[in-house]
Amino acid sequence: MAARTAEDSTATRYEVVIGLEVHAQLLVRTKLFCGCPTTYGSPPNTNICPVCFGLPGALPVLNKAAVEAGVRLAVATDCTVHTTSIFSRKNYFYPDLPKGYQISQFDRPFATDGRVACEVAGRPLVVRLRRIHLEEDAGKSIHDGFPDSSVNTYLDFNRSGVPLCEIVTEPDLRSPEEAYAYLTRLKSILTWTGVCDGNMEEGSLRCDANVSLRPVGREELGIRAELKNLNSFRNVQRALEYEMIRQEGILRDGGTVAQETRLYDAQRGITVSMRSKEESHDYRYFPEPDLLPLVIPAEQVETIRAALPELPGARKRRFIEEFGLPEPAAELLTLERPMADYFEEVARQGGDARQAANWVMGDLTRVLKERHLEIGASPLPAARLAGLVRLLASGAVSGKMAKDVFEAMLAEDRDAEVIVRERGLAVLSDEGALRAIVAQVVAGFPTQAEQYRGGKTTVLGFFVGQVMKATGGQASPELANRLVREVLGGL
């Protein structure tokens, strides 16, 4: 029997309902309620103080920069930013939570009712945001990597108190592909606005997914499972695909899906039960007694709104309208702001946006991956790549020659114009000289010329290739094609 996919199993009887919770570490220098640094990779338990541990007499002081970063995200996602919000204590016991509670926001978050617009396979998708709230991170439990890890767990409290924004969607997503598209766009917004660096490997961006199934046509939500341990957007998609099939199997057999938290095992591609899912009352939330209400003046919100950069969705639309880029190219070029900035500089200076897009997405991206570099550390400045695009667009070099010039620019750190001039790589566009070469080539292959006269026009490409070979690839392809036709037609 053929294996069923997630789409096959749910398409006819059940509808999947997905909501996502993303924790984004705010890109600020110090923790949410103290002056300890947020530096990643510091020696264990060095970025800590009495406030991190909630020791007697230590009082939290709210980080202004963290609040401003949160507001920046809220206005970038069309949220309503509330003038007054409240911090609460979320009480639970876990070894890496030194205070026995986490300072978060519960019933009165600072931002609600937002939206993120994205596309899935060319189809527009708007995902509503229920809330964005500020909270502090917990520490880290380390279960492996030590000689005695089989019997001991080690604790690193450096992350305790690191500022987070939790972004909670409404249950608007109806497929793993939609979840992936939303997360990709949200990450772009976070990085473009400087709210978060988006580094999932370092834990700067973490995602939990709530997924349930319900019979097609029913409004009431099904019993949901929460998925954790999702360390990449692709793993979010894979975990959701597996969970859809698992829950559908339970329902099809007449069973009931358990409300629980499950971990995704990336090695086996399955989810496994972790614990029963807690409800909000289990955490015994109550207002944080050591913090005043957070007041965000409306004028401060408007100042932050006015300072926002052009957001990725708007820039994507502009690239399509202004530069005539196809939608997939515009999407790829606007995933990261440095990439979009680089492309736009190449396009404007090079004079051919489509050629610029091809070079940035193609050869340049290949080099960056090979050298494990980000676009900001590109070995080829945008102005230098634009010079190559200008030569190509003007017909001064052919596509093949441009590839050679590109590699020479990387090796020699010189402009394309200089390399072309010194190596004599300019396209041969002298019609008289090229016609003589074409005539010699045609004379050298009488059998193929006879085939052409007999109606086998496909040999035209053979002759053009021989002309390019005879000129070392320097002949203008368009001119060579025309002259070959003329010479063959005159026989």
Protein backbone atom coordinates (compact mmCIF):
# COMPACT_ATOMS: atom_id res chain seq x y z
CA MET A 1 0.00 0.00 0.00
CA ALA A 2 1.35 3.45 -0.90
CA ALA A 3 2.42 5.68 1.98
CA ARG A 4 -0.09 8.38 2.88
CA THR A 5 1.00 12.01 3.10
CA ALA A 6 -0.31 14.57 5.58
CA GLU A 7 -2.42 16.11 2.81
CA ASP A 8 -3.85 12.74 1.72
CA SER A 9 -4.87 11.76 5.23
CA THR A 10 -6.68 14.93 6.18
CA ALA A 11 -7.94 16.31 2.88
CA THR A 12 -11.39 14.69 2.83
CA ARG A 13 -12.48 14.28 6.45
CA TYR A 14 -10.52 16.68 8.67
CA GLU A 15 -9.24 20.21 8.66
CA VAL A 16 -5.97 21.00 10.42
CA VAL A 17 -5.87 24.06 12.68
CA ILE A 18 -2.48 25.48 13.65
CA GLY A 19 -1.44 28.30 15.95
CA LEU A 20 2.17 29.30 16.58
CA GLU A 21 3.99 30.83 19.53
CA VAL A 22 7.35 32.39 18.72
CA HIS A 23 9.86 33.56 21.32
CA ALA A 24 12.21 36.19 19.90
CA GLN A 25 15.20 37.32 21.96
CA LEU A 26 15.38 41.08 21.80
CA LEU A 27 18.55 42.50 20.33
CA VAL A 28 19.62 44.58 23.34
CA ARG A 29 22.83 44.59 25.38
CA THR A 30 21.43 43.84 28.83
CA LYS A 31 18.75 41.68 30.42
CA LEU A 32 15.12 42.64 30.89
CA PHE A 33 15.28 43.57 34.57
CA CYS A 34 19.00 44.00 35.38
CA GLY A 35 22.28 45.16 33.90
CA CYS A 36 23.76 41.71 33.19
CA PRO A 37 24.91 41.30 29.57
CA THR A 38 23.02 39.14 27.08
CA THR A 39 26.22 38.03 25.32
CA TYR A 40 25.97 34.58 23.76
CA GLY A 41 28.72 32.06 24.46
CA SER A 42 29.99 33.49 27.75
CA PRO A 43 31.37 30.96 30.28
CA PRO A 44 28.51 29.29 32.17
CA ASN A 45 27.00 31.21 35.10
CA THR A 46 29.03 34.39 34.57
CA ASN A 47 26.28 36.74 33.31
CA ILE A 48 24.25 36.56 36.54
CA CYS A 49 23.42 38.71 39.54
CA PRO A 50 21.03 38.71 42.54
CA VAL A 51 18.20 40.05 40.35
CA CYS A 52 18.57 37.09 37.97
CA PHE A 53 18.05 34.76 40.94
CA GLY A 54 15.37 36.81 42.73
CA LEU A 55 17.43 36.96 45.91
CA PRO A 56 15.93 38.83 48.89
CA GLY A 57 16.25 42.58 48.52
CA ALA A 58 17.04 42.46 44.77
CA LEU A 59 14.48 44.45 42.78
CA PRO A 60 13.87 44.31 39.02
CA VAL A 61 14.25 47.48 36.92
CA LEU A 62 12.70 47.40 33.43
CA ASN A 63 15.01 47.74 30.42
CA LYS A 64 13.87 50.74 28.33
CA ALA A 65 15.65 49.53 25.18
CA ALA A 66 13.82 46.19 25.40
CA VAL A 67 10.46 47.96 25.60
CA GLU A 68 11.31 50.09 22.57
CA ALA A 69 12.33 47.01 20.60
CA GLY A 70 9.03 45.35 21.49
CA VAL A 71 7.07 48.39 20.40
CA ARG A 72 9.01 48.45 17.13
CA LEU A 73 7.89 44.88 16.43
CA ALA A 74 4.32 45.68 17.45
CA VAL A 75 3.95 48.61 15.04
CA ALA A 76 5.69 46.65 12.26
CA THR A 77 2.99 43.97 12.60
CA ASP A 78 0.05 46.40 12.82
CA CYS A 79 -0.66 45.66 16.48
CA THR A 80 -2.57 47.91 18.83
CA VAL A 81 -0.03 49.12 21.39
CA HIS A 82 -1.73 49.67 24.73
CA THR A 83 -0.87 52.69 26.81
CA THR A 84 -0.82 50.62 30.00
CA SER A 85 0.10 46.97 30.48
CA ILE A 86 0.91 44.80 33.49
CA PHE A 87 3.70 42.38 34.34
CA SER A 88 2.75 39.16 36.11
CA ARG A 89 4.46 36.26 37.80
CA LYS A 90 4.08 32.92 36.05
CA ASN A 91 4.70 30.33 38.76
CA TYR A 92 6.11 26.91 38.08
CA PHE A 93 8.97 24.76 39.30
CA TYR A 94 11.81 23.72 37.05
CA PRO A 95 15.52 23.44 37.91
CA ASP A 96 16.60 26.13 35.44
CA LEU A 97 14.07 28.66 36.81
CA PRO A 98 15.95 29.95 39.87
CA LYS A 99 13.21 32.22 41.21
CA GLY A 100 10.45 29.63 40.93
CA TYR A 101 8.55 32.07 38.73
CA GLN A 102 8.98 33.89 35.43
CA ILE A 103 8.14 37.57 35.02
CA SER A 104 5.86 37.78 31.99
CA GLN A 105 2.64 39.47 30.86
CA PHE A 106 -0.66 37.65 31.09
CA ASP A 107 -4.09 39.22 30.89
CA ARG A 108 -2.86 42.70 29.95
CA PRO A 109 -0.07 42.43 27.34
CA PHE A 110 1.40 45.56 25.80
CA ALA A 111 0.31 44.72 22.21
CA THR A 112 -2.65 42.87 20.68
CA ASP A 113 -4.57 42.35 17.44
CA GLY A 114 -1.79 42.44 14.85
CA ARG A 115 -1.28 40.80 11.47
CA VAL A 116 1.46 39.37 9.28
CA ALA A 117 0.89 39.18 5.52
CA CYS A 118 2.75 36.60 3.44
CA GLU A 119 2.25 34.34 0.43
CA VAL A 120 1.96 30.57 -0.02
CA ALA A 121 2.53 29.29 -3.56
CA GLY A 122 1.51 32.69 -4.93
CA ARG A 123 -1.62 32.84 -2.77
CA PRO A 124 -1.90 35.73 -0.26
CA LEU A 125 -2.17 34.77 3.40
CA VAL A 126 -2.87 37.05 6.37
CA VAL A 127 -2.14 35.59 9.81
CA ARG A 128 -3.69 37.41 12.75
CA LEU A 129 -1.64 37.98 15.88
CA ARG A 130 -3.49 37.57 19.14
CA ARG A 131 -0.83 39.22 21.29
CA ILE A 132 2.79 40.22 21.68
CA HIS A 133 4.10 40.39 25.21
CA LEU A 134 7.39 40.89 27.03
CA GLU A 135 8.87 38.30 29.32
CA GLU A 136 12.17 37.09 30.72
CA ASP A 137 13.84 33.86 29.64
CA ALA A 138 14.65 30.95 31.93
CA GLY A 139 18.06 29.33 32.30
CA LYS A 140 19.30 26.30 30.41
CA SER A 141 19.39 22.66 31.49
CA ILE A 142 22.24 20.70 29.92
CA HIS A 143 21.51 16.99 29.74
CA ASP A 144 24.53 15.76 27.79
CA GLY A 145 28.15 16.55 27.00
CA PHE A 146 29.62 15.76 30.43
CA PRO A 147 31.22 12.51 31.67
CA ASP A 148 28.43 12.05 34.22
CA SER A 149 25.54 13.23 32.05
CA SER A 150 23.86 9.86 32.49
CA VAL A 151 23.19 10.70 36.13
CA ASN A 152 23.52 14.51 36.41
CA THR A 153 22.01 17.55 34.70
CA TYR A 154 24.03 20.76 34.60
CA LEU A 155 22.51 24.24 34.83
CA ASP A 156 23.63 27.44 33.14
CA PHE A 157 21.76 30.54 34.33
CA ASN A 158 23.29 32.99 31.83
CA ARG A 159 19.98 33.14 29.92
CA SER A 160 17.93 33.82 33.06
CA GLY A 161 16.36 37.23 32.58
CA VAL A 162 17.25 37.61 28.89
CA PRO A 163 14.48 39.74 27.29
CA LEU A 164 12.00 38.01 24.99
CA CYS A 165 8.97 38.95 22.96
CA GLU A 166 6.42 36.19 22.67
CA ILE A 167 4.37 36.45 19.48
CA VAL A 168 1.14 34.41 19.56
CA THR A 169 -0.98 33.89 16.46
CA GLU A 170 -4.66 33.17 16.21
CA PRO A 171 -5.39 29.60 14.99
CA ASP A 172 -5.42 30.85 11.39
CA LEU A 173 -2.99 28.43 9.76
CA ARG A 174 -4.37 25.50 7.80
CA SER A 175 -1.29 23.64 6.61
CA PRO A 176 2.38 23.10 7.49
CA GLU A 177 3.28 25.08 4.35
CA GLU A 178 1.35 28.08 5.65
CA ALA A 179 3.17 27.80 8.98
CA TYR A 180 6.53 27.80 7.19
CA ALA A 181 5.59 30.83 5.08
CA TYR A 182 4.41 32.78 8.14
CA LEU A 183 7.56 32.01 10.11
CA THR A 184 9.78 33.03 7.20
CA ARG A 185 8.02 36.39 6.88
CA LEU A 186 7.98 36.97 10.64
CA LYS A 187 11.72 36.34 10.82
CA SER A 188 12.24 38.89 8.03
CA ILE A 189 10.28 41.49 9.99
CA LEU A 190 12.21 40.74 13.19
CA THR A 191 15.61 41.08 11.53
CA TRP A 192 14.73 44.04 9.28
CA THR A 193 13.54 46.07 12.24
CA GLY A 194 16.56 45.13 14.38
CA VAL A 195 14.34 43.52 17.01
CA CYS A 196 16.03 40.10 16.89
CA ASP A 197 18.99 38.57 15.06
CA GLY A 198 16.89 35.51 14.15
CA ASN A 199 19.64 33.04 15.02
CA MET A 200 17.85 29.79 15.85
CA GLU A 201 21.12 27.93 16.48
CA GLU A 202 21.88 30.27 19.39
CA GLY A 203 18.30 30.18 20.67
CA SER A 204 17.48 33.74 19.64
CA LEU A 205 14.35 32.54 17.87
CA ARG A 206 12.29 29.62 19.12
CA CYS A 207 8.92 28.31 18.04
CA ASP A 208 6.21 26.15 19.60
CA ALA A 209 3.25 24.93 17.56
CA ASN A 210 -0.30 24.08 18.63
CA VAL A 211 -2.03 21.71 16.24
CA SER A 212 -5.46 20.06 16.22
CA LEU A 213 -7.84 18.47 13.75
CA ARG A 214 -11.57 18.99 13.37
CA PRO A 215 -14.13 17.52 10.96
CA VAL A 216 -14.43 19.57 7.79
CA GLY A 217 -17.22 22.13 8.17
CA ARG A 218 -17.18 22.25 11.98
CA GLU A 219 -16.31 25.52 13.73
CA GLU A 220 -15.42 24.10 17.13
CA LEU A 221 -11.71 23.49 17.58
CA GLY A 222 -10.40 20.01 18.25
CA ILE A 223 -8.15 18.96 21.14
CA ARG A 224 -4.71 20.32 20.51
CA ALA A 225 -1.20 19.09 21.06
CA GLU A 226 1.66 21.51 21.65
CA LEU A 227 4.87 20.71 19.79
CA LYS A 228 8.24 21.75 21.22
CA ASN A 229 11.92 21.23 20.39
CA LEU A 230 11.47 22.76 16.94
CA ASN A 231 14.89 24.17 16.11
CA SER A 232 14.30 25.14 12.48
CA PHE A 233 11.40 26.25 10.31
CA ARG A 234 11.73 23.08 8.26
CA ASN A 235 11.43 21.03 11.43
CA VAL A 236 8.28 22.96 12.33
CA GLN A 237 6.83 21.96 8.96
CA ARG A 238 7.94 18.32 9.29
CA ALA A 239 6.66 18.01 12.86
CA LEU A 240 3.26 19.39 11.84
CA GLU A 241 3.07 17.00 8.90
CA TYR A 242 3.74 14.04 11.19
CA GLU A 243 1.33 15.25 13.86
CA MET A 244 -1.49 15.65 11.34
CA ILE A 245 -1.15 12.00 10.32
CA ARG A 246 -0.85 10.84 13.94
CA GLN A 247 -3.96 12.67 15.12
CA GLU A 248 -5.97 11.64 12.05
CA GLY A 249 -5.14 8.01 12.77
CA ILE A 250 -6.40 8.33 16.34
CA LEU A 251 -9.65 10.01 15.26
CA ARG A 252 -10.24 7.58 12.41
CA ASP A 253 -9.97 4.67 14.84
CA GLY A 254 -12.54 6.27 17.16
CA GLY A 255 -10.04 7.47 19.75
CA THR A 256 -9.55 10.83 21.46
CA VAL A 257 -6.49 13.01 20.99
CA ALA A 258 -4.79 13.77 24.31
CA GLN A 259 -4.16 17.39 25.22
CA GLU A 260 -0.43 17.26 25.82
CA THR A 261 2.98 18.70 25.08
CA ARG A 262 5.01 16.66 22.62
CA LEU A 263 8.66 16.85 21.57
CA TYR A 264 9.79 16.53 17.97
CA ASP A 265 12.49 13.91 17.39
CA ALA A 266 14.23 15.17 14.24
CA GLN A 267 16.31 12.02 13.92
CA ARG A 268 13.26 9.77 13.62
CA GLY A 269 10.90 12.38 12.20
CA ILE A 270 8.25 11.75 14.87
CA THR A 271 6.73 13.50 17.88
CA VAL A 272 6.82 11.88 21.34
CA SER A 273 4.81 12.66 24.46
CA MET A 274 6.50 14.90 27.03
CA ARG A 275 3.81 15.86 29.55
CA SER A 276 0.15 16.78 29.83
CA LYS A 277 -0.56 20.29 28.57
CA GLU A 278 -0.88 22.93 31.27
CA GLU A 279 -3.62 25.56 31.30
CA SER A 280 -3.10 29.16 32.36
CA HIS A 281 -4.62 28.57 35.80
CA ASP A 282 -1.94 25.97 36.48
CA TYR A 283 0.64 28.75 36.59
CA ARG A 284 -1.18 30.76 39.29
CA TYR A 285 -0.56 34.09 37.55
CA PHE A 286 -0.69 37.20 39.72
CA PRO A 287 0.53 40.80 39.18
CA GLU A 288 4.26 41.30 39.74
CA PRO A 289 4.41 43.25 43.03
CA ASP A 290 7.89 44.69 42.39
CA LEU A 291 7.05 46.39 39.08
CA LEU A 292 4.77 49.32 38.32
CA PRO A 293 2.44 49.10 35.33
CA LEU A 294 4.23 49.63 32.02
CA VAL A 295 3.11 52.93 30.49
CA ILE A 296 3.90 53.54 26.80
CA PRO A 297 2.86 57.07 25.71
CA ALA A 298 1.10 57.30 22.35
CA GLU A 299 3.60 59.87 21.10
CA GLN A 300 6.46 57.42 21.75
CA VAL A 301 4.67 54.81 19.67
CA GLU A 302 4.30 57.26 16.78
CA THR A 303 7.98 58.25 17.00
CA ILE A 304 8.96 54.60 16.73
CA ARG A 305 6.51 54.06 13.87
CA ALA A 306 7.96 56.98 11.92
CA ALA A 307 11.49 55.59 12.27
CA LEU A 308 10.63 52.14 10.87
CA PRO A 309 12.48 51.13 7.70
CA GLU A 310 10.66 49.99 4.58
CA LEU A 311 9.40 46.56 5.63
CA PRO A 312 10.10 43.39 3.62
CA GLY A 313 6.57 43.00 2.25
CA ALA A 314 6.52 46.58 0.95
CA ARG A 315 10.01 46.25 -0.50
CA LYS A 316 9.06 43.03 -2.25
CA ARG A 317 6.11 44.75 -3.91
CA ARG A 318 8.34 47.65 -4.96
CA PHE A 319 10.94 45.32 -6.47
CA ILE A 320 8.19 43.69 -8.54
CA GLU A 321 6.67 46.99 -9.67
CA GLU A 322 9.82 49.10 -10.09
CA PHE A 323 12.32 46.52 -11.32
CA GLY A 324 9.96 44.07 -13.02
CA LEU A 325 11.22 41.12 -10.99
CA PRO A 326 9.18 37.90 -10.90
CA GLU A 327 7.54 37.22 -7.55
CA PRO A 328 9.83 34.32 -6.51
CA ALA A 329 12.95 36.42 -7.12
CA ALA A 330 11.54 39.40 -5.22
CA GLU A 331 10.61 37.09 -2.33
CA LEU A 332 14.09 35.60 -2.12
CA LEU A 333 15.84 38.97 -2.35
CA THR A 334 13.79 40.48 0.46
CA LEU A 335 14.14 37.72 3.03
CA GLU A 336 17.05 39.64 4.59
CA ARG A 337 17.57 43.37 4.58
CA PRO A 338 21.33 43.27 3.78
CA MET A 339 20.58 41.12 0.72
CA ALA A 340 17.86 43.51 -0.44
CA ASP A 341 20.16 46.51 0.04
CA TYR A 342 22.98 44.82 -1.87
CA PHE A 343 20.73 43.85 -4.77
CA GLU A 344 19.21 47.29 -5.06
CA GLU A 345 22.63 48.93 -5.25
CA VAL A 346 23.72 46.52 -7.98
CA ALA A 347 20.46 47.03 -9.89
CA ARG A 348 20.62 50.82 -9.79
CA GLN A 349 24.29 51.11 -10.69
CA GLY A 350 24.25 48.22 -13.16
CA GLY A 351 21.24 49.44 -15.08
CA ASP A 352 19.66 45.98 -15.53
CA ALA A 353 17.67 44.75 -12.53
CA ARG A 354 16.98 41.25 -13.85
CA GLN A 355 20.65 40.67 -14.64
CA ALA A 356 21.52 42.00 -11.20
CA ALA A 357 19.02 39.63 -9.55
CA ASN A 358 20.42 36.65 -11.48
CA TRP A 359 23.99 37.40 -10.41
CA VAL A 360 23.10 38.05 -6.77
CA MET A 361 20.90 34.95 -6.43
CA GLY A 362 23.20 32.79 -8.54
CA ASP A 363 26.97 33.13 -8.65
CA LEU A 364 27.32 35.48 -5.68
CA THR A 365 25.12 33.35 -3.40
CA ARG A 366 27.12 30.27 -4.44
CA VAL A 367 30.38 31.97 -3.43
CA LEU A 368 28.93 33.13 -0.11
CA LYS A 369 27.80 29.59 0.72
CA GLU A 370 31.14 28.09 -0.28
CA ARG A 371 32.99 30.56 1.94
CA HIS A 372 30.41 30.48 4.76
CA LEU A 373 29.90 34.24 4.53
CA GLU A 374 26.94 36.55 5.03
CA ILE A 375 26.08 39.10 2.36
CA GLY A 376 27.46 41.88 4.58
CA ALA A 377 30.90 40.28 4.28
CA SER A 378 30.68 39.73 0.52
CA PRO A 379 34.10 39.53 -1.15
CA LEU A 380 32.60 41.49 -4.03
CA PRO A 381 31.28 44.99 -3.21
CA ALA A 382 27.95 45.83 -4.82
CA ALA A 383 29.49 48.61 -6.93
CA ARG A 384 32.02 46.17 -8.40
CA LEU A 385 29.36 43.59 -9.33
CA ALA A 386 27.32 46.42 -10.85
CA GLY A 387 30.27 47.17 -13.16
CA LEU A 388 30.12 43.61 -14.49
CA VAL A 389 26.34 43.87 -14.97
CA ARG A 390 26.84 47.09 -16.98
CA LEU A 391 29.34 45.39 -19.31
CA LEU A 392 27.02 42.45 -19.83
CA ALA A 393 23.93 44.60 -20.38
CA SER A 394 25.75 46.75 -22.96
CA GLY A 395 26.96 43.72 -24.87
CA ALA A 396 30.62 44.49 -24.13
CA VAL A 397 31.08 40.95 -22.74
CA SER A 398 29.23 37.72 -23.40
CA GLY A 399 27.61 35.57 -20.74
CA LYS A 400 30.48 33.07 -20.83
CA MET A 401 33.09 35.82 -20.63
CA ALA A 402 31.21 37.42 -17.75
CA LYS A 403 31.59 34.19 -15.74
CA ASP A 404 35.36 34.33 -16.28
CA VAL A 405 35.50 38.00 -15.36
CA PHE A 406 33.49 37.31 -12.20
CA GLU A 407 36.00 34.69 -11.03
CA ALA A 408 38.89 37.02 -11.88
CA MET A 409 37.29 39.83 -9.86
CA LEU A 410 37.13 37.53 -6.84
CA ALA A 411 40.74 36.43 -7.24
CA GLU A 412 42.31 39.78 -8.09
CA ASP A 413 40.09 42.29 -6.26
CA ARG A 414 39.86 44.52 -9.34
CA ASP A 415 37.04 46.10 -11.36
CA ALA A 416 35.48 44.24 -14.26
CA GLU A 417 36.36 47.00 -16.75
CA VAL A 418 40.05 46.76 -15.87
CA ILE A 419 40.12 42.96 -16.20
CA VAL A 420 38.30 43.01 -19.55
CA ARG A 421 40.62 45.70 -20.96
CA GLU A 422 43.89 44.14 -19.79
CA ARG A 423 42.96 40.60 -20.90
CA GLY A 424 41.40 41.62 -24.18
CA LEU A 425 38.13 39.98 -23.26
CA ALA A 426 35.82 42.46 -24.95
CA VAL A 427 33.16 41.01 -27.25
CA LEU A 428 34.15 40.84 -30.92
CA SER A 429 31.47 42.99 -32.53
CA ASP A 430 33.32 44.15 -35.68
CA GLU A 431 30.90 42.85 -38.33
CA GLY A 432 33.45 42.71 -41.12
CA ALA A 433 36.03 40.80 -39.11
CA LEU A 434 33.46 38.40 -37.70
CA ARG A 435 31.91 37.74 -41.14
CA ALA A 436 35.30 36.59 -42.41
CA ILE A 437 35.62 34.16 -39.48
CA VAL A 438 32.09 32.86 -40.11
CA ALA A 439 32.89 32.27 -43.77
CA GLN A 440 35.99 30.27 -42.82
CA VAL A 441 34.01 28.15 -40.36
CA VAL A 442 31.25 27.40 -42.88
CA ALA A 443 33.81 26.50 -45.54
CA GLY A 444 35.41 24.07 -43.13
CA PHE A 445 32.24 22.03 -42.65
CA PRO A 446 30.74 21.43 -46.11
CA THR A 447 28.70 18.40 -45.01
CA GLN A 448 26.86 20.37 -42.33
CA ALA A 449 26.38 23.27 -44.75
CA GLU A 450 24.78 20.89 -47.23
CA GLN A 451 22.50 19.58 -44.47
CA TYR A 452 21.39 23.14 -43.73
CA ARG A 453 20.60 23.77 -47.38
CA GLY A 454 18.63 20.55 -47.34
CA GLY A 455 16.37 21.91 -44.60
CA LYS A 456 18.08 20.66 -41.46
CA THR A 457 18.10 24.04 -39.73
CA THR A 458 19.13 22.53 -36.39
CA VAL A 459 22.77 22.56 -37.55
CA LEU A 460 22.66 26.34 -37.18
CA GLY A 461 23.56 25.94 -33.51
CA PHE A 462 26.54 23.79 -34.48
CA PHE A 463 27.95 26.57 -36.67
CA VAL A 464 27.38 29.26 -34.03
CA GLY A 465 29.21 27.07 -31.52
CA GLN A 466 32.14 26.67 -33.91
CA VAL A 467 32.30 30.45 -34.39
CA MET A 468 32.36 30.98 -30.63
CA LYS A 469 35.12 28.40 -30.37
CA ALA A 470 37.13 30.06 -33.14
CA THR A 471 36.90 33.44 -31.40
CA GLY A 472 37.65 32.12 -27.93
CA GLY A 473 34.09 32.93 -26.85
CA GLN A 474 34.52 36.62 -27.69
CA ALA A 475 32.09 36.84 -30.58
CA SER A 476 28.80 38.58 -29.91
CA PRO A 477 26.31 35.65 -29.83
CA GLU A 478 23.56 37.73 -31.45
CA LEU A 479 25.83 38.96 -34.26
CA ALA A 480 27.36 35.52 -34.78
CA ASN A 481 23.90 33.97 -35.11
CA ARG A 482 22.82 36.52 -37.72
CA LEU A 483 26.01 36.26 -39.77
CA VAL A 484 25.93 32.46 -39.81
CA ARG A 485 22.38 32.61 -41.18
CA GLU A 486 23.42 35.11 -43.83
CA VAL A 487 26.51 33.17 -44.93
CA LEU A 488 24.66 29.85 -45.06
CA GLY A 489 21.75 31.44 -46.86
CA GLY A 490 24.08 32.87 -49.49
CA LEU A 491 25.61 29.54 -50.40
